[in-house]
Amino acid sequence: MMIQNAAEHIKKVFDQHRNPEKAAAMQAYMKHMFPFFGISSPQRIELGKNISQIFSISFLDKNLLNSLWDEKEREYQYLAMDYLKKYKKQLVSSDIEWVKSLIVQKSWWDTVDFLAVHLVGYLAQLQPSVIDTHINPWSTDKNMWLNRTAILFQLKYKEKTDFELLKKYILQHLGSKEFFINKASGWALREYAKTNPTAVIHFVETQPELSNLTKREALKHM
């Protein structure tokens, strides 16, 4: 009952802070993929803190997060992401399937990238076996967003990055015309280049079939 009350309260609060002008701009930025209330990030975070205090939310409640993920307006998913980031250390390796369910629902770069870097990346460090059992299959899945997740999950690993694995995932998509795959490949390489620029330059120079977008992104700050 408490979760239902919290979800209903969130709906009421978000509706009270609706800003059509800001919503229009946010929807345009996101290619009109989702409706928005027009609530800015700082405002949403503050509202989330107030809601957490009112309902004593101090743990990761999947029922509440699922209810937020099911809603139309994008701020609901952003609020769920705020909670996920705050309580992600309460996740266990078996939660990888639940995280996958979030990745493939209402998929767009804003949610997928967060889930890939902050949750999948965290769970893969917590229990490396999920790389073999889940992330490897995702890298060639028919769902493009799972492919992108596999490429990006090590984004913040720095010297702990398994570069051979990253290269494998990128090479699996040689010839792809998918913007979000080629962009992710370049982004992952650019991030690793901060740790090992020589390795990234060598990889890009010896793989002429990489897309121009991937190459450009990878060497952007070289």
Protein backbone atom coordinates (compact mmCIF):
# COMPACT_ATOMS: atom_id res chain seq x y z
CA MET A 1 0.00 0.00 0.00
CA MET A 2 2.85 2.36 0.82
CA ILE A 3 4.37 1.92 -2.64
CA GLN A 4 1.01 2.60 -4.27
CA ASN A 5 0.64 5.72 -2.14
CA ALA A 6 4.15 6.85 -3.03
CA ALA A 7 3.53 6.33 -6.75
CA GLU A 8 0.25 8.24 -6.59
CA HIS A 9 1.90 11.04 -4.63
CA ILE A 10 4.68 11.30 -7.23
CA LYS A 11 2.09 11.60 -10.00
CA LYS A 12 0.32 14.37 -8.13
CA VAL A 13 3.52 16.29 -7.38
CA PHE A 14 4.86 15.99 -10.92
CA ASP A 15 1.55 17.15 -12.38
CA GLN A 16 1.59 20.17 -10.08
CA HIS A 17 5.01 21.15 -11.44
CA ARG A 18 4.10 20.76 -15.09
CA ASN A 19 5.71 23.41 -17.34
CA PRO A 20 4.43 23.18 -20.94
CA GLU A 21 7.06 25.54 -22.34
CA LYS A 22 9.97 23.59 -20.87
CA ALA A 23 8.25 20.32 -21.76
CA ALA A 24 8.10 21.30 -25.43
CA ALA A 25 11.83 22.07 -25.48
CA MET A 26 12.70 18.82 -23.69
CA GLN A 27 10.53 16.77 -26.05
CA ALA A 28 12.18 18.39 -29.06
CA TYR A 29 15.65 17.64 -27.68
CA MET A 30 14.66 14.00 -27.25
CA LYS A 31 13.32 13.80 -30.82
CA HIS A 32 9.73 13.64 -29.53
CA MET A 33 10.27 10.07 -28.36
CA PHE A 34 8.54 10.71 -25.02
CA PRO A 35 6.20 13.26 -23.41
CA PHE A 36 7.62 15.42 -20.62
CA PHE A 37 6.26 17.40 -17.70
CA GLY A 38 8.94 20.05 -18.17
CA ILE A 39 10.59 19.46 -14.78
CA SER A 40 14.30 20.34 -14.73
CA SER A 41 16.88 17.95 -13.28
CA PRO A 42 17.63 20.03 -10.13
CA GLN A 43 13.90 20.45 -9.49
CA ARG A 44 13.24 16.73 -9.99
CA ILE A 45 16.07 15.78 -7.62
CA GLU A 46 14.71 18.11 -4.94
CA LEU A 47 11.19 16.76 -5.39
CA GLY A 48 12.58 13.23 -5.12
CA LYS A 49 14.29 14.07 -1.82
CA ASN A 50 11.03 15.43 -0.42
CA ILE A 51 9.11 12.35 -1.55
CA SER A 52 11.75 10.05 -0.02
CA GLN A 53 11.41 11.83 3.31
CA ILE A 54 7.61 11.72 3.28
CA PHE A 55 7.48 7.99 2.53
CA SER A 56 10.72 7.01 4.30
CA ILE A 57 12.22 5.62 1.11
CA SER A 58 15.67 4.41 2.10
CA PHE A 59 16.06 1.29 -0.02
CA LEU A 60 15.81 0.13 -3.61
CA ASP A 61 12.18 -0.91 -4.09
CA LYS A 62 11.70 -2.65 -7.44
CA ASN A 63 7.92 -2.36 -7.30
CA LEU A 64 8.09 1.41 -7.03
CA LEU A 65 10.79 1.61 -9.70
CA ASN A 66 8.80 -0.62 -12.06
CA SER A 67 5.74 1.57 -11.56
CA LEU A 68 7.79 4.66 -12.41
CA TRP A 69 9.25 2.97 -15.47
CA ASP A 70 5.77 2.13 -16.73
CA GLU A 71 4.63 5.76 -16.78
CA LYS A 72 4.57 7.82 -19.97
CA GLU A 73 6.35 11.03 -19.04
CA ARG A 74 10.12 10.79 -19.12
CA GLU A 75 10.66 12.41 -15.73
CA TYR A 76 9.27 9.26 -14.11
CA GLN A 77 12.13 7.22 -15.57
CA TYR A 78 14.61 9.91 -14.55
CA LEU A 79 13.33 9.78 -10.97
CA ALA A 80 13.71 6.00 -11.02
CA MET A 81 17.28 6.49 -12.22
CA ASP A 82 17.93 8.90 -9.32
CA TYR A 83 16.84 6.17 -6.90
CA LEU A 84 18.82 3.51 -8.74
CA LYS A 85 22.00 5.55 -8.60
CA LYS A 86 21.52 6.24 -4.88
CA TYR A 87 20.78 2.64 -3.88
CA LYS A 88 22.63 0.63 -6.53
CA LYS A 89 24.85 -1.02 -3.90
CA GLN A 90 21.75 -2.90 -2.75
CA LEU A 91 21.71 -4.75 -6.08
CA VAL A 92 23.00 -8.31 -6.34
CA SER A 93 24.31 -10.10 -9.41
CA SER A 94 20.99 -11.87 -10.06
CA ASP A 95 19.40 -8.44 -10.58
CA ILE A 96 21.08 -8.29 -14.00
CA GLU A 97 17.92 -9.76 -15.58
CA TRP A 98 15.79 -7.07 -13.99
CA VAL A 99 18.19 -4.38 -15.22
CA LYS A 100 17.91 -5.92 -18.68
CA SER A 101 14.13 -5.53 -18.51
CA LEU A 102 14.62 -1.80 -17.89
CA ILE A 103 17.10 -1.50 -20.77
CA VAL A 104 14.67 -2.92 -23.31
CA GLN A 105 11.66 -0.89 -22.12
CA LYS A 106 11.23 2.72 -23.27
CA SER A 107 14.70 2.45 -24.75
CA TRP A 108 16.61 5.55 -25.75
CA TRP A 109 20.16 6.72 -25.14
CA ASP A 110 19.33 8.67 -21.97
CA THR A 111 18.14 5.65 -19.98
CA VAL A 112 20.21 2.95 -21.70
CA ASP A 113 23.52 4.74 -21.18
CA PHE A 114 22.78 5.31 -17.52
CA LEU A 115 21.83 1.67 -16.98
CA ALA A 116 24.85 0.43 -18.94
CA VAL A 117 27.44 2.52 -17.12
CA HIS A 118 26.04 2.78 -13.60
CA LEU A 119 24.24 -0.55 -13.13
CA VAL A 120 25.55 -3.11 -15.61
CA GLY A 121 29.07 -1.81 -15.11
CA TYR A 122 28.66 -2.06 -11.35
CA LEU A 123 27.18 -5.58 -11.44
CA ALA A 124 29.92 -6.82 -13.79
CA GLN A 125 32.54 -5.69 -11.30
CA LEU A 126 30.57 -7.15 -8.42
CA GLN A 127 30.22 -10.51 -10.17
CA PRO A 128 32.37 -10.85 -13.34
CA SER A 129 30.56 -14.05 -14.35
CA VAL A 130 27.65 -11.93 -15.63
CA ILE A 131 29.91 -10.94 -18.54
CA ASP A 132 29.86 -14.51 -19.86
CA THR A 133 26.28 -15.30 -18.90
CA HIS A 134 24.63 -12.05 -19.96
CA ILE A 135 26.76 -9.31 -21.51
CA ASN A 136 28.44 -11.52 -24.12
CA PRO A 137 25.04 -12.64 -25.49
CA TRP A 138 23.81 -9.05 -25.38
CA SER A 139 26.66 -7.96 -27.65
CA THR A 140 25.12 -9.82 -30.59
CA ASP A 141 21.46 -9.70 -29.55
CA LYS A 142 18.84 -8.50 -32.04
CA ASN A 143 18.09 -5.64 -29.67
CA MET A 144 20.39 -2.77 -30.61
CA TRP A 145 20.21 -1.24 -27.13
CA LEU A 146 21.61 -4.41 -25.57
CA ASN A 147 24.45 -4.23 -28.10
CA ARG A 148 25.12 -0.63 -27.03
CA THR A 149 25.03 -1.66 -23.37
CA ALA A 150 27.71 -4.31 -23.97
CA ILE A 151 29.95 -1.75 -25.66
CA LEU A 152 29.49 0.86 -22.93
CA PHE A 153 29.38 -1.07 -19.66
CA GLN A 154 33.14 -0.60 -19.09
CA LEU A 155 33.04 3.11 -19.84
CA LYS A 156 34.27 4.16 -16.37
CA TYR A 157 36.61 1.22 -15.76
CA LYS A 158 39.78 3.13 -16.78
CA GLU A 159 42.82 0.85 -16.22
CA LYS A 160 40.49 -2.03 -15.28
CA THR A 161 39.02 -2.06 -18.79
CA ASP A 162 39.25 -5.37 -20.61
CA PHE A 163 40.33 -3.82 -23.90
CA GLU A 164 40.32 -7.14 -25.74
CA LEU A 165 36.68 -7.58 -24.79
CA LEU A 166 35.81 -4.04 -25.85
CA LYS A 167 37.53 -4.55 -29.21
CA LYS A 168 35.66 -7.82 -29.67
CA TYR A 169 32.31 -6.13 -29.13
CA ILE A 170 33.17 -3.29 -31.48
CA LEU A 171 34.45 -5.59 -34.24
CA GLN A 172 31.25 -7.64 -34.06
CA HIS A 173 29.49 -4.61 -35.51
CA LEU A 174 31.85 -3.71 -38.32
CA GLY A 175 29.84 -2.46 -41.27
CA SER A 176 26.91 -1.41 -39.11
CA LYS A 177 25.06 1.69 -40.25
CA GLU A 178 23.42 2.08 -36.84
CA PHE A 179 24.30 5.52 -35.46
CA PHE A 180 23.90 4.51 -31.81
CA ILE A 181 26.28 1.56 -32.21
CA ASN A 182 28.99 3.43 -34.08
CA LYS A 183 28.71 6.40 -31.73
CA ALA A 184 28.98 4.13 -28.66
CA SER A 185 32.02 2.38 -30.13
CA GLY A 186 33.80 5.69 -30.63
CA TRP A 187 32.77 6.95 -27.21
CA ALA A 188 34.06 3.82 -25.46
CA LEU A 189 37.37 4.05 -27.33
CA ARG A 190 37.72 7.76 -26.56
CA GLU A 191 37.14 7.12 -22.87
CA TYR A 192 39.71 4.31 -22.76
CA ALA A 193 42.16 6.53 -24.66
CA LYS A 194 42.37 8.66 -21.51
CA THR A 195 44.05 5.63 -19.90
CA ASN A 196 45.86 4.08 -22.89
CA PRO A 197 45.97 6.38 -25.92
CA THR A 198 48.60 4.29 -27.71
CA ALA A 199 46.40 1.19 -27.70
CA VAL A 200 43.39 3.08 -29.01
CA ILE A 201 45.34 4.80 -31.79
CA HIS A 202 46.83 1.49 -32.87
CA PHE A 203 43.42 -0.18 -32.91
CA VAL A 204 41.81 2.58 -34.96
CA GLU A 205 44.71 2.73 -37.43
CA THR A 206 44.69 -1.04 -37.98
CA GLN A 207 40.94 -1.34 -38.43
CA PRO A 208 40.13 0.58 -41.63
CA GLU A 209 36.61 -0.85 -41.69
CA LEU A 210 35.60 1.06 -38.57
CA SER A 211 32.96 3.64 -39.40
CA ASN A 212 34.08 7.22 -39.89
CA LEU A 213 31.86 8.16 -36.94
CA THR A 214 33.61 5.64 -34.67
CA LYS A 215 37.06 6.82 -35.76
CA ARG A 216 36.16 10.47 -35.36
CA GLU A 217 34.73 9.94 -31.89
CA ALA A 218 37.61 7.72 -30.78
CA LEU A 219 40.31 10.23 -31.74
CA LYS A 220 38.34 13.35 -30.90
CA HIS A 221 40.69 14.68 -28.20
CA MET A 222 43.93 13.15 -29.43
